[in-house]
Amino acid sequence: MRISDLRNRIELSFGPEWAPSFSKDIAISELGSKTVDEALAAGVEAADIWRAVCNAHPVETLAHKY
């Protein structure tokens, strides 16, 4: 998965207003308590980040899971 695909799925799941804040501010335990942006900066694969987002927020991501 490309980073642009990850960003698109996050925007579709959380909305264009909330997605940037979600990526910057919400720590996900499966990512070692890193945010999406921190995990990307640390070199975590986009697909692994998306799986972690889906696991942490199953309702919001259900429509865009795959």
N, C-alpha and C. Protein backbone atom coordinates (compact mmCIF):
# COMPACT_ATOMS: atom_id res chain seq x y z
N MET A 1 0.84 -1.17 0.00
CA MET A 1 0.00 0.00 0.00
C MET A 1 0.89 1.24 0.00
N ARG A 2 0.51 2.20 -0.80
CA ARG A 2 1.24 3.47 -0.83
C ARG A 2 0.74 4.39 0.29
N ILE A 3 1.57 5.33 0.67
CA ILE A 3 1.20 6.28 1.71
C ILE A 3 -0.03 7.08 1.28
N SER A 4 -0.11 7.42 0.00
CA SER A 4 -1.28 8.17 -0.48
C SER A 4 -2.56 7.34 -0.32
N ASP A 5 -2.48 6.02 -0.49
CA ASP A 5 -3.64 5.16 -0.28
C ASP A 5 -4.04 5.15 1.20
N LEU A 6 -3.04 5.08 2.07
CA LEU A 6 -3.30 5.13 3.51
C LEU A 6 -4.00 6.43 3.87
N ARG A 7 -3.46 7.55 3.42
CA ARG A 7 -4.05 8.86 3.71
C ARG A 7 -5.48 8.95 3.18
N ASN A 8 -5.71 8.41 1.98
CA ASN A 8 -7.04 8.44 1.39
C ASN A 8 -8.02 7.62 2.23
N ARG A 9 -7.62 6.45 2.65
CA ARG A 9 -8.51 5.61 3.47
C ARG A 9 -8.81 6.26 4.81
N ILE A 10 -7.81 6.90 5.40
CA ILE A 10 -8.05 7.60 6.67
C ILE A 10 -9.03 8.75 6.46
N GLU A 11 -8.87 9.47 5.36
CA GLU A 11 -9.80 10.56 5.08
C GLU A 11 -11.21 10.05 4.82
N LEU A 12 -11.34 8.97 4.08
CA LEU A 12 -12.66 8.39 3.82
C LEU A 12 -13.31 7.89 5.10
N SER A 13 -12.51 7.35 6.01
CA SER A 13 -13.03 6.78 7.24
C SER A 13 -13.39 7.84 8.28
N PHE A 14 -12.57 8.89 8.39
CA PHE A 14 -12.75 9.86 9.47
C PHE A 14 -13.20 11.24 8.99
N GLY A 15 -13.25 11.42 7.68
CA GLY A 15 -13.68 12.70 7.12
C GLY A 15 -12.51 13.64 6.89
N PRO A 16 -12.64 14.53 5.91
CA PRO A 16 -11.54 15.41 5.55
C PRO A 16 -11.15 16.40 6.65
N GLU A 17 -12.08 16.77 7.51
CA GLU A 17 -11.76 17.71 8.58
C GLU A 17 -11.00 17.03 9.72
N TRP A 18 -11.35 15.80 10.03
CA TRP A 18 -10.79 15.10 11.18
C TRP A 18 -9.54 14.30 10.82
N ALA A 19 -9.38 13.85 9.60
CA ALA A 19 -8.27 12.97 9.21
C ALA A 19 -6.88 13.52 9.54
N PRO A 20 -6.58 14.79 9.22
CA PRO A 20 -5.23 15.29 9.55
C PRO A 20 -4.95 15.27 11.06
N SER A 21 -5.94 15.65 11.85
CA SER A 21 -5.77 15.63 13.30
C SER A 21 -5.63 14.21 13.81
N PHE A 22 -6.43 13.29 13.27
CA PHE A 22 -6.33 11.88 13.66
C PHE A 22 -4.91 11.38 13.42
N SER A 23 -4.38 11.64 12.24
CA SER A 23 -3.05 11.15 11.88
C SER A 23 -1.95 11.76 12.75
N LYS A 24 -2.16 12.97 13.19
CA LYS A 24 -1.13 13.69 13.95
C LYS A 24 -1.25 13.48 15.45
N ASP A 25 -2.47 13.30 15.96
CA ASP A 25 -2.70 13.37 17.41
C ASP A 25 -3.10 12.07 18.11
N ILE A 26 -3.62 11.10 17.39
CA ILE A 26 -4.16 9.90 18.04
C ILE A 26 -3.11 8.78 18.03
N ALA A 27 -2.64 8.41 19.22
CA ALA A 27 -1.68 7.31 19.35
C ALA A 27 -2.42 5.98 19.30
N ILE A 28 -1.82 5.02 18.63
CA ILE A 28 -2.41 3.69 18.47
C ILE A 28 -1.50 2.68 19.14
N SER A 29 -2.05 1.94 20.09
CA SER A 29 -1.22 1.02 20.88
C SER A 29 -0.52 -0.02 20.02
N GLU A 30 -1.18 -0.51 19.00
CA GLU A 30 -0.58 -1.52 18.11
C GLU A 30 0.64 -0.98 17.36
N LEU A 31 0.76 0.32 17.29
CA LEU A 31 1.91 0.96 16.64
C LEU A 31 2.95 1.41 17.68
N GLY A 32 2.88 0.81 18.88
CA GLY A 32 3.81 1.20 19.93
C GLY A 32 3.49 2.57 20.50
N SER A 33 2.21 2.88 20.55
CA SER A 33 1.71 4.18 21.03
C SER A 33 2.20 5.34 20.17
N LYS A 34 2.42 5.07 18.91
CA LYS A 34 2.77 6.12 17.94
C LYS A 34 1.50 6.55 17.21
N THR A 35 1.54 7.77 16.70
CA THR A 35 0.47 8.23 15.82
C THR A 35 0.77 7.70 14.41
N VAL A 36 -0.17 7.88 13.52
CA VAL A 36 0.04 7.50 12.12
C VAL A 36 1.26 8.23 11.56
N ASP A 37 1.34 9.53 11.80
CA ASP A 37 2.47 10.31 11.28
C ASP A 37 3.80 9.87 11.88
N GLU A 38 3.81 9.58 13.17
CA GLU A 38 5.04 9.11 13.81
C GLU A 38 5.46 7.75 13.29
N ALA A 39 4.49 6.86 13.08
CA ALA A 39 4.79 5.53 12.56
C ALA A 39 5.36 5.63 11.14
N LEU A 40 4.79 6.49 10.32
CA LEU A 40 5.33 6.69 8.97
C LEU A 40 6.76 7.21 9.04
N ALA A 41 7.01 8.17 9.91
CA ALA A 41 8.35 8.74 10.05
C ALA A 41 9.34 7.70 10.56
N ALA A 42 8.86 6.72 11.32
CA ALA A 42 9.71 5.67 11.86
C ALA A 42 9.94 4.54 10.85
N GLY A 43 9.29 4.63 9.69
CA GLY A 43 9.50 3.64 8.66
C GLY A 43 8.55 2.45 8.68
N VAL A 44 7.48 2.55 9.44
CA VAL A 44 6.49 1.47 9.46
C VAL A 44 5.75 1.47 8.12
N GLU A 45 5.54 0.30 7.57
CA GLU A 45 4.86 0.16 6.29
C GLU A 45 3.42 0.68 6.38
N ALA A 46 2.97 1.35 5.34
CA ALA A 46 1.62 1.92 5.30
C ALA A 46 0.55 0.85 5.52
N ALA A 47 0.72 -0.32 4.95
CA ALA A 47 -0.27 -1.39 5.11
C ALA A 47 -0.36 -1.83 6.57
N ASP A 48 0.77 -1.88 7.27
CA ASP A 48 0.76 -2.25 8.68
C ASP A 48 0.07 -1.17 9.52
N ILE A 49 0.29 0.07 9.15
CA ILE A 49 -0.38 1.17 9.85
C ILE A 49 -1.88 1.09 9.63
N TRP A 50 -2.29 0.83 8.39
CA TRP A 50 -3.72 0.75 8.10
C TRP A 50 -4.37 -0.38 8.89
N ARG A 51 -3.71 -1.54 8.97
CA ARG A 51 -4.25 -2.65 9.75
C ARG A 51 -4.41 -2.24 11.22
N ALA A 52 -3.44 -1.53 11.75
CA ALA A 52 -3.52 -1.08 13.14
C ALA A 52 -4.67 -0.09 13.33
N VAL A 53 -4.85 0.82 12.38
CA VAL A 53 -5.96 1.78 12.45
C VAL A 53 -7.28 1.01 12.41
N CYS A 54 -7.39 0.03 11.54
CA CYS A 54 -8.62 -0.78 11.43
C CYS A 54 -8.91 -1.52 12.73
N ASN A 55 -7.86 -2.09 13.33
CA ASN A 55 -8.04 -2.83 14.58
C ASN A 55 -8.45 -1.91 15.73
N ALA A 56 -7.90 -0.71 15.75
CA ALA A 56 -8.20 0.23 16.83
C ALA A 56 -9.54 0.94 16.63
N HIS A 57 -9.98 1.07 15.39
CA HIS A 57 -11.22 1.81 15.06
C HIS A 57 -12.04 1.02 14.05
N PRO A 58 -12.55 -0.15 14.44
CA PRO A 58 -13.24 -1.03 13.48
C PRO A 58 -14.52 -0.45 12.89
N VAL A 59 -15.25 0.32 13.65
CA VAL A 59 -16.52 0.87 13.14
C VAL A 59 -16.25 1.92 12.07
N GLU A 60 -15.33 2.82 12.35
CA GLU A 60 -15.04 3.91 11.43
C GLU A 60 -14.42 3.42 10.12
N THR A 61 -13.64 2.35 10.18
CA THR A 61 -12.89 1.89 9.01
C THR A 61 -13.58 0.75 8.26
N LEU A 62 -14.67 0.26 8.75
CA LEU A 62 -15.32 -0.93 8.18
C LEU A 62 -15.56 -0.82 6.67
N ALA A 63 -16.07 0.29 6.20
CA ALA A 63 -16.39 0.45 4.78
C ALA A 63 -15.15 0.53 3.88
N HIS A 64 -13.99 0.82 4.46
CA HIS A 64 -12.79 1.05 3.67
C HIS A 64 -11.66 0.09 4.07
N LYS A 65 -12.03 -0.99 4.73
CA LYS A 65 -11.04 -1.91 5.30
C LYS A 65 -10.11 -2.50 4.25
N TYR A 66 -10.67 -2.86 3.10
CA TYR A 66 -9.82 -3.53 2.09
C TYR A 66 -9.76 -2.76 0.81
